[in-house]
Amino acid sequence: MSTPVPSRLALAGRLRTIIDSEIGLNIVDLGLIYDLQVSPDGTVMVKLTMTTPACPLARYIQQEVARVLQRTPGVRRGVIELVWDPPWSPHMIDPEVRHNRFL
């Protein structure tokens, strides 16, 4: 019996373990994940961005996303696309997190 494909919610939860150490927030709540698609065949497509094009953590974050996908049961293939449109801004931080953390 094969492992079921994880839900988007389950994958988002796993991606929350990746912390942008410069800001101290996980990449999901920070708003770096622009899209997360899960196909029935176990292919996961992630569109993510960085806070700036010169982000020193870009390589690390991409590697960690790949690692999380590889270690998630039911994920057969992970595709990561780094995108810059729309440009990230602090308004993309989860509103509840933004309010509790910065106000």
PDB file of N, CA and C in Angstrom:
ATOM      1  N   MET A   1       0.841  -1.176   0.000  1.00  0.00           N
ATOM      2  CA  MET A   1       0.000   0.000   0.000  1.00  0.00           C
ATOM      3  C   MET A   1       0.892   1.247   0.000  1.00  0.00           C
ATOM      4  N   SER A   2       0.583   2.210  -0.870  1.00  0.00           N
ATOM      5  CA  SER A   2       1.411   3.410  -0.955  1.00  0.00           C
ATOM      6  C   SER A   2       0.957   4.451   0.076  1.00  0.00           C
ATOM      7  N   THR A   3       1.875   5.336   0.382  1.00  0.00           N
ATOM      8  CA  THR A   3       1.596   6.406   1.334  1.00  0.00           C
ATOM      9  C   THR A   3       0.709   7.451   0.669  1.00  0.00           C
ATOM     10  N   PRO A   4      -0.335   7.910   1.337  1.00  0.00           N
ATOM     11  CA  PRO A   4      -1.198   8.931   0.733  1.00  0.00           C
ATOM     12  C   PRO A   4      -0.456  10.249   0.523  1.00  0.00           C
ATOM     13  N   VAL A   5      -0.877  10.976  -0.485  1.00  0.00           N
ATOM     14  CA  VAL A   5      -0.301  12.287  -0.782  1.00  0.00           C
ATOM     15  C   VAL A   5      -0.724  13.251   0.328  1.00  0.00           C
ATOM     16  N   PRO A   6       0.223  14.026   0.864  1.00  0.00           N
ATOM     17  CA  PRO A   6      -0.131  14.952   1.945  1.00  0.00           C
ATOM     18  C   PRO A   6      -0.980  16.119   1.426  1.00  0.00           C
ATOM     19  N   SER A   7      -1.751  16.698   2.296  1.00  0.00           N
ATOM     20  CA  SER A   7      -2.569  17.853   1.936  1.00  0.00           C
ATOM     21  C   SER A   7      -1.698  19.115   1.913  1.00  0.00           C
ATOM     22  N   ARG A   8      -2.244  20.165   1.322  1.00  0.00           N
ATOM     23  CA  ARG A   8      -1.557  21.461   1.318  1.00  0.00           C
ATOM     24  C   ARG A   8      -1.366  21.946   2.757  1.00  0.00           C
ATOM     25  N   LEU A   9      -2.379  21.738   3.583  1.00  0.00           N
ATOM     26  CA  LEU A   9      -2.307  22.169   4.974  1.00  0.00           C
ATOM     27  C   LEU A   9      -1.183  21.436   5.715  1.00  0.00           C
ATOM     28  N   ALA A  10      -1.077  20.137   5.486  1.00  0.00           N
ATOM     29  CA  ALA A  10      -0.013  19.356   6.129  1.00  0.00           C
ATOM     30  C   ALA A  10       1.366  19.818   5.652  1.00  0.00           C
ATOM     31  N   LEU A  11       1.487  20.082   4.362  1.00  0.00           N
ATOM     32  CA  LEU A  11       2.770  20.550   3.836  1.00  0.00           C
ATOM     33  C   LEU A  11       3.120  21.933   4.374  1.00  0.00           C
ATOM     34  N   ALA A  12       2.135  22.802   4.456  1.00  0.00           N
ATOM     35  CA  ALA A  12       2.383  24.137   5.010  1.00  0.00           C
ATOM     36  C   ALA A  12       2.876  24.010   6.456  1.00  0.00           C
ATOM     37  N   GLY A  13       2.293  23.090   7.189  1.00  0.00           N
ATOM     38  CA  GLY A  13       2.741  22.866   8.559  1.00  0.00           C
ATOM     39  C   GLY A  13       4.190  22.424   8.621  1.00  0.00           C
ATOM     40  N   ARG A  14       4.571  21.565   7.718  1.00  0.00           N
ATOM     41  CA  ARG A  14       5.971  21.108   7.685  1.00  0.00           C
ATOM     42  C   ARG A  14       6.907  22.237   7.261  1.00  0.00           C
ATOM     43  N   LEU A  15       6.458  23.070   6.319  1.00  0.00           N
ATOM     44  CA  LEU A  15       7.287  24.189   5.868  1.00  0.00           C
ATOM     45  C   LEU A  15       7.432  25.257   6.954  1.00  0.00           C
ATOM     46  N   ARG A  16       6.526  25.271   7.902  1.00  0.00           N
ATOM     47  CA  ARG A  16       6.631  26.226   9.022  1.00  0.00           C
ATOM     48  C   ARG A  16       7.840  25.933   9.913  1.00  0.00           C
ATOM     49  N   THR A  17       8.461  24.804   9.736  1.00  0.00           N
ATOM     50  CA  THR A  17       9.661  24.507  10.529  1.00  0.00           C
ATOM     51  C   THR A  17      10.891  25.235   9.996  1.00  0.00           C
ATOM     52  N   ILE A  18      10.763  25.846   8.821  1.00  0.00           N
ATOM     53  CA  ILE A  18      11.894  26.566   8.222  1.00  0.00           C
ATOM     54  C   ILE A  18      11.809  28.027   8.664  1.00  0.00           C
ATOM     55  N   ILE A  19      12.812  28.457   9.387  1.00  0.00           N
ATOM     56  CA  ILE A  19      12.830  29.801   9.971  1.00  0.00           C
ATOM     57  C   ILE A  19      13.789  30.699   9.193  1.00  0.00           C
ATOM     58  N   ASP A  20      13.325  31.880   8.858  1.00  0.00           N
ATOM     59  CA  ASP A  20      14.207  32.919   8.318  1.00  0.00           C
ATOM     60  C   ASP A  20      14.885  33.527   9.544  1.00  0.00           C
ATOM     61  N   SER A  21      16.130  33.162   9.753  1.00  0.00           N
ATOM     62  CA  SER A  21      16.809  33.547  10.995  1.00  0.00           C
ATOM     63  C   SER A  21      17.085  35.046  11.086  1.00  0.00           C
ATOM     64  N   GLU A  22      17.078  35.742   9.979  1.00  0.00           N
ATOM     65  CA  GLU A  22      17.272  37.200  10.042  1.00  0.00           C
ATOM     66  C   GLU A  22      16.057  37.902  10.632  1.00  0.00           C
ATOM     67  N   ILE A  23      14.876  37.338  10.367  1.00  0.00           N
ATOM     68  CA  ILE A  23      13.642  37.968  10.840  1.00  0.00           C
ATOM     69  C   ILE A  23      13.061  37.218  12.035  1.00  0.00           C
ATOM     70  N   GLY A  24      13.356  35.923  12.120  1.00  0.00           N
ATOM     71  CA  GLY A  24      12.882  35.140  13.244  1.00  0.00           C
ATOM     72  C   GLY A  24      11.480  34.591  13.073  1.00  0.00           C
ATOM     73  N   LEU A  25      11.015  34.523  11.833  1.00  0.00           N
ATOM     74  CA  LEU A  25       9.697  33.957  11.540  1.00  0.00           C
ATOM     75  C   LEU A  25       9.848  32.811  10.554  1.00  0.00           C
ATOM     76  N   ASN A  26       8.884  31.893  10.569  1.00  0.00           N
ATOM     77  CA  ASN A  26       8.926  30.809   9.594  1.00  0.00           C
ATOM     78  C   ASN A  26       8.503  31.340   8.228  1.00  0.00           C
ATOM     79  N   ILE A  27       8.887  30.623   7.185  1.00  0.00           N
ATOM     80  CA  ILE A  27       8.691  31.114   5.819  1.00  0.00           C
ATOM     81  C   ILE A  27       7.225  31.154   5.390  1.00  0.00           C
ATOM     82  N   VAL A  28       6.371  30.383   6.025  1.00  0.00           N
ATOM     83  CA  VAL A  28       4.943  30.414   5.690  1.00  0.00           C
ATOM     84  C   VAL A  28       4.311  31.667   6.277  1.00  0.00           C
ATOM     85  N   ASP A  29       4.473  31.883   7.577  1.00  0.00           N
ATOM     86  CA  ASP A  29       3.894  33.059   8.222  1.00  0.00           C
ATOM     87  C   ASP A  29       4.525  34.350   7.699  1.00  0.00           C
ATOM     88  N   LEU A  30       5.777  34.271   7.271  1.00  0.00           N
ATOM     89  CA  LEU A  30       6.468  35.428   6.718  1.00  0.00           C
ATOM     90  C   LEU A  30       5.906  35.817   5.347  1.00  0.00           C
ATOM     91  N   GLY A  31       5.198  34.893   4.722  1.00  0.00           N
ATOM     92  CA  GLY A  31       4.604  35.184   3.417  1.00  0.00           C
ATOM     93  C   GLY A  31       5.520  34.894   2.252  1.00  0.00           C
ATOM     94  N   LEU A  32       6.540  34.068   2.458  1.00  0.00           N
ATOM     95  CA  LEU A  32       7.460  33.742   1.374  1.00  0.00           C
ATOM     96  C   LEU A  32       6.924  32.661   0.441  1.00  0.00           C
ATOM     97  N   ILE A  33       5.950  31.894   0.889  1.00  0.00           N
ATOM     98  CA  ILE A  33       5.345  30.868   0.037  1.00  0.00           C
ATOM     99  C   ILE A  33       4.196  31.523  -0.722  1.00  0.00           C
ATOM    100  N   TYR A  34       4.368  31.682  -2.022  1.00  0.00           N
ATOM    101  CA  TYR A  34       3.339  32.318  -2.848  1.00  0.00           C
ATOM    102  C   TYR A  34       2.315  31.313  -3.358  1.00  0.00           C
ATOM    103  N   ASP A  35       2.734  30.071  -3.550  1.00  0.00           N
ATOM    104  CA  ASP A  35       1.806  29.056  -4.040  1.00  0.00           C
ATOM    105  C   ASP A  35       2.319  27.686  -3.634  1.00  0.00           C
ATOM    106  N   LEU A  36       1.399  26.805  -3.342  1.00  0.00           N
ATOM    107  CA  LEU A  36       1.717  25.442  -2.943  1.00  0.00           C
ATOM    108  C   LEU A  36       0.659  24.541  -3.556  1.00  0.00           C
ATOM    109  N   GLN A  37       1.072  23.749  -4.536  1.00  0.00           N
ATOM    110  CA  GLN A  37       0.143  22.864  -5.240  1.00  0.00           C
ATOM    111  C   GLN A  37       0.572  21.421  -5.036  1.00  0.00           C
ATOM    112  N   VAL A  38      -0.404  20.571  -4.790  1.00  0.00           N
ATOM    113  CA  VAL A  38      -0.148  19.143  -4.595  1.00  0.00           C
ATOM    114  C   VAL A  38      -0.943  18.382  -5.644  1.00  0.00           C
ATOM    115  N   SER A  39      -0.246  17.600  -6.455  1.00  0.00           N
ATOM    116  CA  SER A  39      -0.914  16.782  -7.468  1.00  0.00           C
ATOM    117  C   SER A  39      -1.220  15.405  -6.897  1.00  0.00           C
ATOM    118  N   PRO A  40      -2.241  14.752  -7.430  1.00  0.00           N
ATOM    119  CA  PRO A  40      -2.587  13.412  -6.945  1.00  0.00           C
ATOM    120  C   PRO A  40      -1.446  12.399  -7.091  1.00  0.00           C
ATOM    121  N   ASP A  41      -0.505  12.658  -8.020  1.00  0.00           N
ATOM    122  CA  ASP A  41       0.615  11.727  -8.206  1.00  0.00           C
ATOM    123  C   ASP A  41       1.748  11.948  -7.206  1.00  0.00           C
ATOM    124  N   GLY A  42       1.580  12.931  -6.286  1.00  0.00           N
ATOM    125  CA  GLY A  42       2.606  13.182  -5.283  1.00  0.00           C
ATOM    126  C   GLY A  42       3.609  14.250  -5.673  1.00  0.00           C
ATOM    127  N   THR A  43       3.365  14.939  -6.775  1.00  0.00           N
ATOM    128  CA  THR A  43       4.229  16.053  -7.162  1.00  0.00           C
ATOM    129  C   THR A  43       3.782  17.299  -6.402  1.00  0.00           C
ATOM    130  N   VAL A  44       4.731  17.969  -5.790  1.00  0.00           N
ATOM    131  CA  VAL A  44       4.448  19.193  -5.050  1.00  0.00           C
ATOM    132  C   VAL A  44       5.195  20.335  -5.731  1.00  0.00           C
ATOM    133  N   MET A  45       4.443  21.373  -6.062  1.00  0.00           N
ATOM    134  CA  MET A  45       5.035  22.564  -6.673  1.00  0.00           C
ATOM    135  C   MET A  45       4.950  23.711  -5.680  1.00  0.00           C
ATOM    136  N   VAL A  46       6.098  24.317  -5.408  1.00  0.00           N
ATOM    137  CA  VAL A  46       6.176  25.421  -4.459  1.00  0.00           C
ATOM    138  C   VAL A  46       6.723  26.645  -5.185  1.00  0.00           C
ATOM    139  N   LYS A  47       5.979  27.730  -5.120  1.00  0.00           N
ATOM    140  CA  LYS A  47       6.484  29.015  -5.590  1.00  0.00           C
ATOM    141  C   LYS A  47       6.807  29.819  -4.345  1.00  0.00           C
ATOM    142  N   LEU A  48       8.057  30.248  -4.260  1.00  0.00           N
ATOM    143  CA  LEU A  48       8.436  31.040  -3.112  1.00  0.00           C
ATOM    144  C   LEU A  48       9.267  32.224  -3.538  1.00  0.00           C
ATOM    145  N   THR A  49       9.365  33.179  -2.656  1.00  0.00           N
ATOM    146  CA  THR A  49      10.162  34.366  -2.892  1.00  0.00           C
ATOM    147  C   THR A  49      11.058  34.586  -1.695  1.00  0.00           C
ATOM    148  N   MET A  50      11.843  35.616  -1.770  1.00  0.00           N
ATOM    149  CA  MET A  50      12.694  36.032  -0.659  1.00  0.00           C
ATOM    150  C   MET A  50      12.313  37.461  -0.288  1.00  0.00           C
ATOM    151  N   THR A  51      12.736  37.899   0.859  1.00  0.00           N
ATOM    152  CA  THR A  51      12.402  39.250   1.286  1.00  0.00           C
ATOM    153  C   THR A  51      13.061  40.288   0.384  1.00  0.00           C
ATOM    154  N   THR A  52      14.223  39.966  -0.167  1.00  0.00           N
ATOM    155  CA  THR A  52      14.907  40.822  -1.140  1.00  0.00           C
ATOM    156  C   THR A  52      15.650  39.931  -2.121  1.00  0.00           C
ATOM    157  N   PRO A  53      15.916  40.428  -3.338  1.00  0.00           N
ATOM    158  CA  PRO A  53      16.696  39.630  -4.289  1.00  0.00           C
ATOM    159  C   PRO A  53      18.098  39.298  -3.778  1.00  0.00           C
ATOM    160  N   ALA A  54      18.638  40.103  -2.885  1.00  0.00           N
ATOM    161  CA  ALA A  54      19.975  39.861  -2.348  1.00  0.00           C
ATOM    162  C   ALA A  54      19.949  39.118  -1.014  1.00  0.00           C
ATOM    163  N   CYS A  55      18.847  38.470  -0.704  1.00  0.00           N
ATOM    164  CA  CYS A  55      18.700  37.774   0.577  1.00  0.00           C
ATOM    165  C   CYS A  55      19.839  36.767   0.778  1.00  0.00           C
ATOM    166  N   PRO A  56      20.615  36.922   1.843  1.00  0.00           N
ATOM    167  CA  PRO A  56      21.728  35.998   2.079  1.00  0.00           C
ATOM    168  C   PRO A  56      21.264  34.586   2.452  1.00  0.00           C
ATOM    169  N   LEU A  57      19.995  34.425   2.789  1.00  0.00           N
ATOM    170  CA  LEU A  57      19.476  33.111   3.174  1.00  0.00           C
ATOM    171  C   LEU A  57      18.779  32.390   2.021  1.00  0.00           C
ATOM    172  N   ALA A  58      18.789  32.948   0.831  1.00  0.00           N
ATOM    173  CA  ALA A  58      18.052  32.376  -0.295  1.00  0.00           C
ATOM    174  C   ALA A  58      18.426  30.919  -0.556  1.00  0.00           C
ATOM    175  N   ARG A  59      19.678  30.642  -0.648  1.00  0.00           N
ATOM    176  CA  ARG A  59      20.119  29.266  -0.930  1.00  0.00           C
ATOM    177  C   ARG A  59      19.707  28.322   0.197  1.00  0.00           C
ATOM    178  N   TYR A  60      19.925  28.756   1.428  1.00  0.00           N
ATOM    179  CA  TYR A  60      19.562  27.946   2.589  1.00  0.00           C
ATOM    180  C   TYR A  60      18.063  27.640   2.584  1.00  0.00           C
ATOM    181  N   ILE A  61      17.234  28.660   2.385  1.00  0.00           N
ATOM    182  CA  ILE A  61      15.786  28.459   2.418  1.00  0.00           C
ATOM    183  C   ILE A  61      15.351  27.494   1.314  1.00  0.00           C
ATOM    184  N   GLN A  62      15.878  27.664   0.118  1.00  0.00           N
ATOM    185  CA  GLN A  62      15.532  26.749  -0.975  1.00  0.00           C
ATOM    186  C   GLN A  62      15.966  25.318  -0.661  1.00  0.00           C
ATOM    187  N   GLN A  63      17.144  25.162  -0.096  1.00  0.00           N
ATOM    188  CA  GLN A  63      17.623  23.829   0.274  1.00  0.00           C
ATOM    189  C   GLN A  63      16.749  23.208   1.358  1.00  0.00           C
ATOM    190  N   GLU A  64      16.323  24.010   2.303  1.00  0.00           N
ATOM    191  CA  GLU A  64      15.467  23.503   3.371  1.00  0.00           C
ATOM    192  C   GLU A  64      14.084  23.113   2.844  1.00  0.00           C
ATOM    193  N   VAL A  65      13.536  23.892   1.921  1.00  0.00           N
ATOM    194  CA  VAL A  65      12.256  23.527   1.315  1.00  0.00           C
ATOM    195  C   VAL A  65      12.412  22.186   0.609  1.00  0.00           C
ATOM    196  N   ALA A  66      13.483  22.033  -0.166  1.00  0.00           N
ATOM    197  CA  ALA A  66      13.725  20.763  -0.863  1.00  0.00           C
ATOM    198  C   ALA A  66      13.862  19.616   0.133  1.00  0.00           C
ATOM    199  N   ARG A  67      14.569  19.849   1.233  1.00  0.00           N
ATOM    200  CA  ARG A  67      14.758  18.815   2.257  1.00  0.00           C
ATOM    201  C   ARG A  67      13.427  18.409   2.877  1.00  0.00           C
ATOM    202  N   VAL A  68      12.600  19.396   3.215  1.00  0.00           N
ATOM    203  CA  VAL A  68      11.290  19.096   3.805  1.00  0.00           C
ATOM    204  C   VAL A  68      10.453  18.274   2.844  1.00  0.00           C
ATOM    205  N   LEU A  69      10.440  18.658   1.573  1.00  0.00           N
ATOM    206  CA  LEU A  69       9.653  17.909   0.589  1.00  0.00           C
ATOM    207  C   LEU A  69      10.173  16.486   0.449  1.00  0.00           C
ATOM    208  N   GLN A  70      11.491  16.325   0.380  1.00  0.00           N
ATOM    209  CA  GLN A  70      12.079  14.998   0.222  1.00  0.00           C
ATOM    210  C   GLN A  70      11.761  14.089   1.401  1.00  0.00           C
ATOM    211  N   ARG A  71      11.629  14.666   2.582  1.00  0.00           N
ATOM    212  CA  ARG A  71      11.399  13.870   3.795  1.00  0.00           C
ATOM    213  C   ARG A  71       9.931  13.725   4.160  1.00  0.00           C
ATOM    214  N   THR A  72       9.050  14.237   3.316  1.00  0.00           N
ATOM    215  CA  THR A  72       7.627  14.141   3.602  1.00  0.00           C
ATOM    216  C   THR A  72       7.042  12.897   2.946  1.00  0.00           C
ATOM    217  N   PRO A  73       6.513  11.977   3.734  1.00  0.00           N
ATOM    218  CA  PRO A  73       5.902  10.786   3.159  1.00  0.00           C
ATOM    219  C   PRO A  73       4.786  11.161   2.178  1.00  0.00           C
ATOM    220  N   GLY A  74       4.765  10.498   1.044  1.00  0.00           N
ATOM    221  CA  GLY A  74       3.748  10.740   0.031  1.00  0.00           C
ATOM    222  C   GLY A  74       4.168  11.722  -1.045  1.00  0.00           C
ATOM    223  N   VAL A  75       5.243  12.480  -0.791  1.00  0.00           N
ATOM    224  CA  VAL A  75       5.754  13.392  -1.819  1.00  0.00           C
ATOM    225  C   VAL A  75       6.721  12.604  -2.694  1.00  0.00           C
ATOM    226  N   ARG A  76       6.370  12.498  -3.951  1.00  0.00           N
ATOM    227  CA  ARG A  76       7.221  11.753  -4.888  1.00  0.00           C
ATOM    228  C   ARG A  76       8.220  12.663  -5.578  1.00  0.00           C
ATOM    229  N   ARG A  77       7.830  13.930  -5.761  1.00  0.00           N
ATOM    230  CA  ARG A  77       8.688  14.866  -6.484  1.00  0.00           C
ATOM    231  C   ARG A  77       8.368  16.274  -6.016  1.00  0.00           C
ATOM    232  N   GLY A  78       9.396  17.063  -5.796  1.00  0.00           N
ATOM    233  CA  GLY A  78       9.214  18.458  -5.412  1.00  0.00           C
ATOM    234  C   GLY A  78       9.779  19.379  -6.474  1.00  0.00           C
ATOM    235  N   VAL A  79       9.028  20.387  -6.835  1.00  0.00           N
ATOM    236  CA  VAL A  79       9.466  21.390  -7.791  1.00  0.00           C
ATOM    237  C   VAL A  79       9.402  22.734  -7.085  1.00  0.00           C
ATOM    238  N   ILE A  80      10.529  23.414  -7.026  1.00  0.00           N
ATOM    239  CA  ILE A  80      10.616  24.699  -6.337  1.00  0.00           C
ATOM    240  C   ILE A  80      10.928  25.771  -7.365  1.00  0.00           C
ATOM    241  N   GLU A  81      10.095  26.799  -7.382  1.00  0.00           N
ATOM    242  CA  GLU A  81      10.308  27.918  -8.293  1.00  0.00           C
ATOM    243  C   GLU A  81      10.471  29.189  -7.464  1.00  0.00           C
ATOM    244  N   LEU A  82      11.595  29.870  -7.678  1.00  0.00           N
ATOM    245  CA  LEU A  82      11.845  31.133  -7.008  1.00  0.00           C
ATOM    246  C   LEU A  82      11.266  32.241  -7.886  1.00  0.00           C
ATOM    247  N   VAL A  83      10.370  33.041  -7.325  1.00  0.00           N
ATOM    248  CA  VAL A  83       9.696  34.092  -8.078  1.00  0.00           C
ATOM    249  C   VAL A  83       9.900  35.448  -7.393  1.00  0.00           C
ATOM    250  N   TRP A  84       9.772  36.505  -8.182  1.00  0.00           N
ATOM    251  CA  TRP A  84       9.979  37.853  -7.648  1.00  0.00           C
ATOM    252  C   TRP A  84       8.775  38.757  -7.865  1.00  0.00           C
ATOM    253  N   ASP A  85       7.727  38.221  -8.445  1.00  0.00           N
ATOM    254  CA  ASP A  85       6.547  39.027  -8.726  1.00  0.00           C
ATOM    255  C   ASP A  85       5.338  38.379  -8.085  1.00  0.00           C
ATOM    256  N   PRO A  86       4.673  39.045  -7.190  1.00  0.00           N
ATOM    257  CA  PRO A  86       4.934  40.418  -6.761  1.00  0.00           C
ATOM    258  C   PRO A  86       6.103  40.460  -5.780  1.00  0.00           C
ATOM    259  N   PRO A  87       6.774  41.595  -5.701  1.00  0.00           N
ATOM    260  CA  PRO A  87       7.855  41.717  -4.726  1.00  0.00           C
ATOM    261  C   PRO A  87       7.312  41.545  -3.307  1.00  0.00           C
ATOM    262  N   TRP A  88       8.078  40.886  -2.477  1.00  0.00           N
ATOM    263  CA  TRP A  88       7.667  40.681  -1.089  1.00  0.00           C
ATOM    264  C   TRP A  88       7.641  42.022  -0.362  1.00  0.00           C
ATOM    265  N   SER A  89       6.708  42.151   0.574  1.00  0.00           N
ATOM    266  CA  SER A  89       6.666  43.316   1.463  1.00  0.00           C
ATOM    267  C   SER A  89       6.198  42.832   2.831  1.00  0.00           C
ATOM    268  N   PRO A  90       6.422  43.613   3.875  1.00  0.00           N
ATOM    269  CA  PRO A  90       5.980  43.205   5.215  1.00  0.00           C
ATOM    270  C   PRO A  90       4.476  42.971   5.312  1.00  0.00           C
ATOM    271  N   HIS A  91       3.703  43.522   4.398  1.00  0.00           N
ATOM    272  CA  HIS A  91       2.254  43.299   4.403  1.00  0.00           C
ATOM    273  C   HIS A  91       1.891  41.848   4.067  1.00  0.00           C
ATOM    274  N   MET A  92       2.864  41.083   3.578  1.00  0.00           N
ATOM    275  CA  MET A  92       2.620  39.678   3.245  1.00  0.00           C
ATOM    276  C   MET A  92       2.761  38.760   4.453  1.00  0.00           C
ATOM    277  N   ILE A  93       3.253  39.298   5.555  1.00  0.00           N
ATOM    278  CA  ILE A  93       3.319  38.516   6.791  1.00  0.00           C
ATOM    279  C   ILE A  93       1.894  38.229   7.235  1.00  0.00           C
ATOM    280  N   ASP A  94       1.663  37.015   7.701  1.00  0.00           N
ATOM    281  CA  ASP A  94       0.334  36.650   8.191  1.00  0.00           C
ATOM    282  C   ASP A  94      -0.160  37.759   9.120  1.00  0.00           C
ATOM    283  N   PRO A  95      -1.356  38.308   8.859  1.00  0.00           N
ATOM    284  CA  PRO A  95      -1.836  39.449   9.646  1.00  0.00           C
ATOM    285  C   PRO A  95      -1.847  39.210  11.153  1.00  0.00           C
ATOM    286  N   GLU A  96      -2.232  38.032  11.571  1.00  0.00           N
ATOM    287  CA  GLU A  96      -2.251  37.743  13.013  1.00  0.00           C
ATOM    288  C   GLU A  96      -0.849  37.756  13.596  1.00  0.00           C
ATOM    289  N   VAL A  97       0.084  37.175  12.873  1.00  0.00           N
ATOM    290  CA  VAL A  97       1.473  37.144  13.326  1.00  0.00           C
ATOM    291  C   VAL A  97       2.037  38.570  13.334  1.00  0.00           C
ATOM    292  N   ARG A  98       1.769  39.308  12.281  1.00  0.00           N
ATOM    293  CA  ARG A  98       2.261  40.683  12.178  1.00  0.00           C
ATOM    294  C   ARG A  98       1.746  41.527  13.349  1.00  0.00           C
ATOM    295  N   HIS A  99       0.462  41.383  13.626  1.00  0.00           N
ATOM    296  CA  HIS A  99      -0.143  42.159  14.709  1.00  0.00           C
ATOM    297  C   HIS A  99       0.447  41.779  16.075  1.00  0.00           C
ATOM    298  N   ASN A 100       0.550  40.491  16.333  1.00  0.00           N
ATOM    299  CA  ASN A 100       1.039  40.027  17.631  1.00  0.00           C
ATOM    300  C   ASN A 100       2.527  40.271  17.822  1.00  0.00           C
ATOM    301  N   ARG A 101       3.261  40.252  16.731  1.00  0.00           N
ATOM    302  CA  ARG A 101       4.715  40.354  16.846  1.00  0.00           C
ATOM    303  C   ARG A 101       5.215  41.792  16.804  1.00  0.00           C
ATOM    304  N   PHE A 102       4.581  42.615  15.985  1.00  0.00           N
ATOM    305  CA  PHE A 102       5.144  43.929  15.717  1.00  0.00           C
ATOM    306  C   PHE A 102       4.342  45.086  16.292  1.00  0.00           C
ATOM    307  N   LEU A 103       3.217  44.810  16.929  1.00  0.00           N
ATOM    308  CA  LEU A 103       2.437  45.910  17.499  1.00  0.00           C
ATOM    309  C   LEU A 103       2.312  45.766  18.997  1.00  0.00           C
TER     310      LEU A 103
END
